[in-house]
Amino acid sequence: MTPERRLAVLVRKTQRLLDEVAYQLAGHQCTRADRDSTAEVLDELAAALRQRPLPAQVIDGTQTE
């Protein structure tokens, strides 16, 4: 799996987790442990985003960085 694909998988995993936590928060069911583990996943995502520059994107047929 490429680094970009691993990052994309982590982003989707985080998105699903945040959806679940938002639901729990709205229902007053989110525990301290839930919040702590969510913060750890967000820290992991932030580190992954900072670790490696994203590949150049193609916009309107031109490459940008």
PDB file of N, CA and C in Angstrom:
ATOM      1  N   MET A   1       0.858  -1.178   0.000  1.00  0.00           N
ATOM      2  CA  MET A   1       0.000   0.000   0.000  1.00  0.00           C
ATOM      3  C   MET A   1       0.903   1.240   0.000  1.00  0.00           C
ATOM      4  N   THR A   2       0.566   2.184  -0.832  1.00  0.00           N
ATOM      5  CA  THR A   2       1.374   3.398  -0.922  1.00  0.00           C
ATOM      6  C   THR A   2       1.137   4.286   0.303  1.00  0.00           C
ATOM      7  N   PRO A   3       2.081   5.183   0.599  1.00  0.00           N
ATOM      8  CA  PRO A   3       1.876   6.107   1.720  1.00  0.00           C
ATOM      9  C   PRO A   3       0.614   6.951   1.549  1.00  0.00           C
ATOM     10  N   GLU A   4       0.325   7.346   0.336  1.00  0.00           N
ATOM     11  CA  GLU A   4      -0.870   8.156   0.091  1.00  0.00           C
ATOM     12  C   GLU A   4      -2.134   7.360   0.387  1.00  0.00           C
ATOM     13  N   ARG A   5      -2.125   6.075   0.006  1.00  0.00           N
ATOM     14  CA  ARG A   5      -3.299   5.238   0.262  1.00  0.00           C
ATOM     15  C   ARG A   5      -3.461   4.993   1.764  1.00  0.00           C
ATOM     16  N   ARG A   6      -2.356   4.764   2.486  1.00  0.00           N
ATOM     17  CA  ARG A   6      -2.434   4.588   3.937  1.00  0.00           C
ATOM     18  C   ARG A   6      -3.004   5.844   4.595  1.00  0.00           C
ATOM     19  N   LEU A   7      -2.576   7.008   4.112  1.00  0.00           N
ATOM     20  CA  LEU A   7      -3.090   8.265   4.655  1.00  0.00           C
ATOM     21  C   LEU A   7      -4.586   8.393   4.367  1.00  0.00           C
ATOM     22  N   ALA A   8      -4.994   8.026   3.169  1.00  0.00           N
ATOM     23  CA  ALA A   8      -6.418   8.093   2.817  1.00  0.00           C
ATOM     24  C   ALA A   8      -7.239   7.162   3.703  1.00  0.00           C
ATOM     25  N   VAL A   9      -6.725   5.976   3.987  1.00  0.00           N
ATOM     26  CA  VAL A   9      -7.424   5.029   4.861  1.00  0.00           C
ATOM     27  C   VAL A   9      -7.546   5.613   6.266  1.00  0.00           C
ATOM     28  N   LEU A  10      -6.479   6.229   6.755  1.00  0.00           N
ATOM     29  CA  LEU A  10      -6.520   6.841   8.084  1.00  0.00           C
ATOM     30  C   LEU A  10      -7.527   7.993   8.136  1.00  0.00           C
ATOM     31  N   VAL A  11      -7.607   8.774   7.080  1.00  0.00           N
ATOM     32  CA  VAL A  11      -8.584   9.874   7.028  1.00  0.00           C
ATOM     33  C   VAL A  11     -10.006   9.326   7.088  1.00  0.00           C
ATOM     34  N   ARG A  12     -10.289   8.270   6.325  1.00  0.00           N
ATOM     35  CA  ARG A  12     -11.639   7.685   6.341  1.00  0.00           C
ATOM     36  C   ARG A  12     -11.959   7.069   7.705  1.00  0.00           C
ATOM     37  N   LYS A  13     -10.979   6.388   8.301  1.00  0.00           N
ATOM     38  CA  LYS A  13     -11.164   5.805   9.633  1.00  0.00           C
ATOM     39  C   LYS A  13     -11.495   6.908  10.638  1.00  0.00           C
ATOM     40  N   THR A  14     -10.771   7.996  10.548  1.00  0.00           N
ATOM     41  CA  THR A  14     -10.993   9.122  11.457  1.00  0.00           C
ATOM     42  C   THR A  14     -12.361   9.739  11.224  1.00  0.00           C
ATOM     43  N   GLN A  15     -12.761   9.845   9.978  1.00  0.00           N
ATOM     44  CA  GLN A  15     -14.071  10.403   9.667  1.00  0.00           C
ATOM     45  C   GLN A  15     -15.188   9.562  10.288  1.00  0.00           C
ATOM     46  N   ARG A  16     -15.084   8.246  10.157  1.00  0.00           N
ATOM     47  CA  ARG A  16     -16.105   7.369  10.744  1.00  0.00           C
ATOM     48  C   ARG A  16     -16.117   7.489  12.266  1.00  0.00           C
ATOM     49  N   LEU A  17     -14.925   7.561  12.862  1.00  0.00           N
ATOM     50  CA  LEU A  17     -14.827   7.704  14.311  1.00  0.00           C
ATOM     51  C   LEU A  17     -15.467   9.016  14.763  1.00  0.00           C
ATOM     52  N   LEU A  18     -15.196  10.102  14.054  1.00  0.00           N
ATOM     53  CA  LEU A  18     -15.767  11.396  14.422  1.00  0.00           C
ATOM     54  C   LEU A  18     -17.289  11.394  14.287  1.00  0.00           C
ATOM     55  N   ASP A  19     -17.794  10.711  13.272  1.00  0.00           N
ATOM     56  CA  ASP A  19     -19.254  10.583  13.139  1.00  0.00           C
ATOM     57  C   ASP A  19     -19.842   9.880  14.360  1.00  0.00           C
ATOM     58  N   GLU A  20     -19.185   8.802  14.784  1.00  0.00           N
ATOM     59  CA  GLU A  20     -19.669   8.052  15.941  1.00  0.00           C
ATOM     60  C   GLU A  20     -19.592   8.884  17.223  1.00  0.00           C
ATOM     61  N   VAL A  21     -18.495   9.598  17.402  1.00  0.00           N
ATOM     62  CA  VAL A  21     -18.323  10.419  18.607  1.00  0.00           C
ATOM     63  C   VAL A  21     -19.341  11.558  18.620  1.00  0.00           C
ATOM     64  N   ALA A  22     -19.611  12.151  17.474  1.00  0.00           N
ATOM     65  CA  ALA A  22     -20.614  13.217  17.414  1.00  0.00           C
ATOM     66  C   ALA A  22     -21.976  12.687  17.855  1.00  0.00           C
ATOM     67  N   TYR A  23     -22.309  11.487  17.410  1.00  0.00           N
ATOM     68  CA  TYR A  23     -23.570  10.863  17.813  1.00  0.00           C
ATOM     69  C   TYR A  23     -23.591  10.632  19.324  1.00  0.00           C
ATOM     70  N   GLN A  24     -22.476  10.113  19.854  1.00  0.00           N
ATOM     71  CA  GLN A  24     -22.397   9.859  21.294  1.00  0.00           C
ATOM     72  C   GLN A  24     -22.490  11.155  22.098  1.00  0.00           C
ATOM     73  N   LEU A  25     -21.820  12.183  21.630  1.00  0.00           N
ATOM     74  CA  LEU A  25     -21.864  13.469  22.332  1.00  0.00           C
ATOM     75  C   LEU A  25     -23.291  14.017  22.377  1.00  0.00           C
ATOM     76  N   ALA A  26     -23.979  13.921  21.257  1.00  0.00           N
ATOM     77  CA  ALA A  26     -25.354  14.436  21.202  1.00  0.00           C
ATOM     78  C   ALA A  26     -26.269  13.684  22.166  1.00  0.00           C
ATOM     79  N   GLY A  27     -25.980  12.403  22.382  1.00  0.00           N
ATOM     80  CA  GLY A  27     -26.804  11.598  23.277  1.00  0.00           C
ATOM     81  C   GLY A  27     -26.256  11.518  24.690  1.00  0.00           C
ATOM     82  N   HIS A  28     -25.267  12.363  24.982  1.00  0.00           N
ATOM     83  CA  HIS A  28     -24.640  12.382  26.311  1.00  0.00           C
ATOM     84  C   HIS A  28     -24.099  11.005  26.707  1.00  0.00           C
ATOM     85  N   GLN A  29     -23.532  10.282  25.727  1.00  0.00           N
ATOM     86  CA  GLN A  29     -23.020   8.937  25.964  1.00  0.00           C
ATOM     87  C   GLN A  29     -21.512   8.851  25.767  1.00  0.00           C
ATOM     88  N   CYS A  30     -20.857   9.959  25.552  1.00  0.00           N
ATOM     89  CA  CYS A  30     -19.421   9.970  25.269  1.00  0.00           C
ATOM     90  C   CYS A  30     -18.641  10.034  26.589  1.00  0.00           C
ATOM     91  N   THR A  31     -17.828   9.009  26.831  1.00  0.00           N
ATOM     92  CA  THR A  31     -17.067   8.949  28.079  1.00  0.00           C
ATOM     93  C   THR A  31     -15.723   9.658  27.927  1.00  0.00           C
ATOM     94  N   ARG A  32     -15.047   9.854  29.024  1.00  0.00           N
ATOM     95  CA  ARG A  32     -13.699  10.434  29.006  1.00  0.00           C
ATOM     96  C   ARG A  32     -12.770   9.552  28.162  1.00  0.00           C
ATOM     97  N   ALA A  33     -12.910   8.235  28.314  1.00  0.00           N
ATOM     98  CA  ALA A  33     -12.084   7.306  27.527  1.00  0.00           C
ATOM     99  C   ALA A  33     -12.357   7.460  26.027  1.00  0.00           C
ATOM    100  N   ASP A  34     -13.624   7.663  25.655  1.00  0.00           N
ATOM    101  CA  ASP A  34     -13.972   7.895  24.244  1.00  0.00           C
ATOM    102  C   ASP A  34     -13.300   9.156  23.732  1.00  0.00           C
ATOM    103  N   ARG A  35     -13.370  10.202  24.530  1.00  0.00           N
ATOM    104  CA  ARG A  35     -12.755  11.474  24.118  1.00  0.00           C
ATOM    105  C   ARG A  35     -11.241  11.344  24.024  1.00  0.00           C
ATOM    106  N   ASP A  36     -10.638  10.655  24.990  1.00  0.00           N
ATOM    107  CA  ASP A  36      -9.187  10.473  24.966  1.00  0.00           C
ATOM    108  C   ASP A  36      -8.738   9.666  23.744  1.00  0.00           C
ATOM    109  N   SER A  37      -9.452   8.581  23.450  1.00  0.00           N
ATOM    110  CA  SER A  37      -9.055   7.765  22.295  1.00  0.00           C
ATOM    111  C   SER A  37      -9.278   8.518  20.985  1.00  0.00           C
ATOM    112  N   THR A  38     -10.317   9.338  20.928  1.00  0.00           N
ATOM    113  CA  THR A  38     -10.550  10.157  19.743  1.00  0.00           C
ATOM    114  C   THR A  38      -9.421  11.167  19.563  1.00  0.00           C
ATOM    115  N   ALA A  39      -9.000  11.780  20.641  1.00  0.00           N
ATOM    116  CA  ALA A  39      -7.893  12.736  20.575  1.00  0.00           C
ATOM    117  C   ALA A  39      -6.611  12.053  20.100  1.00  0.00           C
ATOM    118  N   GLU A  40      -6.380  10.820  20.531  1.00  0.00           N
ATOM    119  CA  GLU A  40      -5.190  10.083  20.090  1.00  0.00           C
ATOM    120  C   GLU A  40      -5.232   9.817  18.585  1.00  0.00           C
ATOM    121  N   VAL A  41      -6.395   9.439  18.074  1.00  0.00           N
ATOM    122  CA  VAL A  41      -6.534   9.197  16.636  1.00  0.00           C
ATOM    123  C   VAL A  41      -6.318  10.498  15.867  1.00  0.00           C
ATOM    124  N   LEU A  42      -6.849  11.604  16.378  1.00  0.00           N
ATOM    125  CA  LEU A  42      -6.654  12.896  15.715  1.00  0.00           C
ATOM    126  C   LEU A  42      -5.178  13.302  15.738  1.00  0.00           C
ATOM    127  N   ASP A  43      -4.483  13.018  16.838  1.00  0.00           N
ATOM    128  CA  ASP A  43      -3.043  13.285  16.905  1.00  0.00           C
ATOM    129  C   ASP A  43      -2.291  12.451  15.865  1.00  0.00           C
ATOM    130  N   GLU A  44      -2.693  11.188  15.732  1.00  0.00           N
ATOM    131  CA  GLU A  44      -2.070  10.298  14.746  1.00  0.00           C
ATOM    132  C   GLU A  44      -2.282  10.827  13.328  1.00  0.00           C
ATOM    133  N   LEU A  45      -3.497  11.277  13.042  1.00  0.00           N
ATOM    134  CA  LEU A  45      -3.799  11.824  11.725  1.00  0.00           C
ATOM    135  C   LEU A  45      -2.992  13.091  11.477  1.00  0.00           C
ATOM    136  N   ALA A  46      -2.936  13.968  12.464  1.00  0.00           N
ATOM    137  CA  ALA A  46      -2.175  15.215  12.306  1.00  0.00           C
ATOM    138  C   ALA A  46      -0.702  14.917  12.032  1.00  0.00           C
ATOM    139  N   ALA A  47      -0.137  13.958  12.754  1.00  0.00           N
ATOM    140  CA  ALA A  47       1.264  13.593  12.541  1.00  0.00           C
ATOM    141  C   ALA A  47       1.473  13.023  11.144  1.00  0.00           C
ATOM    142  N   ALA A  48       0.551  12.191  10.694  1.00  0.00           N
ATOM    143  CA  ALA A  48       0.660  11.605   9.354  1.00  0.00           C
ATOM    144  C   ALA A  48       0.573  12.679   8.277  1.00  0.00           C
ATOM    145  N   LEU A  49      -0.305  13.661   8.479  1.00  0.00           N
ATOM    146  CA  LEU A  49      -0.430  14.743   7.500  1.00  0.00           C
ATOM    147  C   LEU A  49       0.832  15.601   7.449  1.00  0.00           C
ATOM    148  N   ARG A  50       1.484  15.780   8.584  1.00  0.00           N
ATOM    149  CA  ARG A  50       2.695  16.597   8.633  1.00  0.00           C
ATOM    150  C   ARG A  50       3.937  15.843   8.175  1.00  0.00           C
ATOM    151  N   GLN A  51       3.908  14.515   8.274  1.00  0.00           N
ATOM    152  CA  GLN A  51       5.077  13.688   8.035  1.00  0.00           C
ATOM    153  C   GLN A  51       5.586  13.759   6.606  1.00  0.00           C
ATOM    154  N   ARG A  52       4.712  13.821   5.675  1.00  0.00           N
ATOM    155  CA  ARG A  52       5.100  13.660   4.279  1.00  0.00           C
ATOM    156  C   ARG A  52       4.263  14.598   3.422  1.00  0.00           C
ATOM    157  N   PRO A  53       4.917  15.310   2.519  1.00  0.00           N
ATOM    158  CA  PRO A  53       4.113  16.186   1.653  1.00  0.00           C
ATOM    159  C   PRO A  53       3.177  15.354   0.779  1.00  0.00           C
ATOM    160  N   LEU A  54       2.007  15.889   0.542  1.00  0.00           N
ATOM    161  CA  LEU A  54       1.056  15.226  -0.333  1.00  0.00           C
ATOM    162  C   LEU A  54       1.545  15.325  -1.772  1.00  0.00           C
ATOM    163  N   PRO A  55       1.171  14.363  -2.611  1.00  0.00           N
ATOM    164  CA  PRO A  55       1.601  14.427  -4.008  1.00  0.00           C
ATOM    165  C   PRO A  55       1.000  15.632  -4.713  1.00  0.00           C
ATOM    166  N   ALA A  56       1.649  16.036  -5.791  1.00  0.00           N
ATOM    167  CA  ALA A  56       1.134  17.159  -6.581  1.00  0.00           C
ATOM    168  C   ALA A  56      -0.274  16.838  -7.057  1.00  0.00           C
ATOM    169  N   GLN A  57      -1.114  17.826  -7.050  1.00  0.00           N
ATOM    170  CA  GLN A  57      -2.493  17.651  -7.500  1.00  0.00           C
ATOM    171  C   GLN A  57      -2.614  18.180  -8.917  1.00  0.00           C
ATOM    172  N   VAL A  58      -3.462  17.559  -9.678  1.00  0.00           N
ATOM    173  CA  VAL A  58      -3.719  18.027 -11.036  1.00  0.00           C
ATOM    174  C   VAL A  58      -5.013  18.834 -11.009  1.00  0.00           C
ATOM    175  N   ILE A  59      -4.903  20.111 -11.346  1.00  0.00           N
ATOM    176  CA  ILE A  59      -6.058  21.010 -11.369  1.00  0.00           C
ATOM    177  C   ILE A  59      -6.112  21.653 -12.749  1.00  0.00           C
ATOM    178  N   ASP A  60      -7.203  21.458 -13.436  1.00  0.00           N
ATOM    179  CA  ASP A  60      -7.385  22.020 -14.783  1.00  0.00           C
ATOM    180  C   ASP A  60      -6.226  21.674 -15.705  1.00  0.00           C
ATOM    181  N   GLY A  61      -5.716  20.461 -15.599  1.00  0.00           N
ATOM    182  CA  GLY A  61      -4.667  20.014 -16.502  1.00  0.00           C
ATOM    183  C   GLY A  61      -3.271  20.490 -16.141  1.00  0.00           C
ATOM    184  N   THR A  62      -3.120  21.259 -15.058  1.00  0.00           N
ATOM    185  CA  THR A  62      -1.791  21.707 -14.645  1.00  0.00           C
ATOM    186  C   THR A  62      -1.475  21.128 -13.281  1.00  0.00           C
ATOM    187  N   GLN A  63      -0.202  20.906 -13.033  1.00  0.00           N
ATOM    188  CA  GLN A  63       0.189  20.371 -11.734  1.00  0.00           C
ATOM    189  C   GLN A  63       0.551  21.502 -10.792  1.00  0.00           C
ATOM    190  N   THR A  64       0.104  21.356  -9.546  1.00  0.00           N
ATOM    191  CA  THR A  64       0.467  22.307  -8.504  1.00  0.00           C
ATOM    192  C   THR A  64       1.008  21.530  -7.325  1.00  0.00           C
ATOM    193  N   GLU A  65       1.712  22.201  -6.445  1.00  0.00           N
ATOM    194  CA  GLU A  65       2.220  21.527  -5.258  1.00  0.00           C
ATOM    195  C   GLU A  65       1.686  22.184  -4.022  1.00  0.00           C
TER     196      GLU A  65
END
